[in-house]
Amino acid sequence: MPVHTSESSQGNRGKGVGLGLALASALAFGGSGVAAKPLIEAGLDPLHVVWLRVAGAALVMLPLAVRHRALVRRRPALLTGFGLLAVAGVQACYFAALSRIPVGVALLVEYLAPALVLGWVRFVQRRPVSRAAALGVVLAAGGLACVVEVWSGLSFDALGLLLALGAACCQVGYFVLSDQGSEAGDQAPDPLGVIAYGLLVGAAVLTVVARPWSMDWSVLAGSADMNGTAVPAVALLAWIVLVATVVAYITGVVSVRRLSPQVAGVVACLEAVIATVLAWVLLGEHLSAPQVLGGAVVLIGAFIAQSSTPAKGSAEPVATGGAERELSARGTAA
């Protein structure tokens, strides 16, 4: 009995850490739009902002890529897939969708990813999915519809919706690939190495798409307007690179390994709520009553999904999170 109690307390503690990391990731990712919008309004093309974001983060993570260079030989498919889907794919598809459909619609379609993750678990991996996890996804999706006010300016542009769905599918790749090797013990690919090489691959792909040589670099030497306050453009870029990308990806990937792709995916829906609140506070974009209500529903859905994780050794469906997964301290460091 004492041993079981110890294991249970360790599992709960690990689950709490994972949930905290998932929330930190949602907060970091959610702050990207608030910093990027003033740069775009100052004259930078959205794709150029995305390229600066990914290329800057890749440069920051370069020393870790060198340290974990053995991953290139051991897990080339994982690194390539993470870079193409979790980094370049999500960003490119989302911004391309914005050029054809309203921002709210694109955001809602992208954050159908948690539901798609459950579909992957149920029909591809053939693992059971708990009713609580499914209910959490339904509530989160419904809440997101209110947060982004999908009913205002809805435009059924077929290509735009397909691009947004592509972003959602790429986000599924982010959650699924982040979980790869989480049960491999000492042989698990180090998450920092995976992120570092994923950013390098993403930066290479986005260089071809964004063509940064045509960018107006002088914008970065000036300031950008944030709700009437002049903020150095380079400071906003530093936030996007260091917090909204480096910190966001690190905390996000580690949280997926400690929770599960489907649980972390539902918690990630909070990004839309966080982004909306930050836009309200920092950019003066006020929330309506339906948006406030929708935010509360998203919180409830995320709580239901994460709280449904079964204890270690439980016979309950594993698709709600499973037991705590310990990360290797050494990973695959070279």
Foldseek 3Di string as FASTA:
>chain_A
DVVVVVQQVVQVVLLVLLLVLLLLLLLLQLCLVLLVVLLVVLPWDLLLLLLLQLVLLLVVLVVVLVQQVVCCVVPVVLLLLCLVQVRQLLSVLLVVLVVPWPNLLLLLLLLLLLVVLVVCCCPVVVFDDDPLLVQLSVLLSVLSCLQSVCVPRGDPDPSSSVSSNSSNVSVNSLLVSLQPQLQVAQQRADQSNSLNSSSVSNSVVSCVVVVNVPTDVVSQQAWGDWQNDTHRSVVSSCSSRVRSRNSSSVSLSVSCSFFNSSLSSLSSSLSSVSNSVCCCVTRVPDDDPSSVVSNVSSVVSSCSLSVPCDEEPDPPTNVSGHTGGDDYPCHSGD
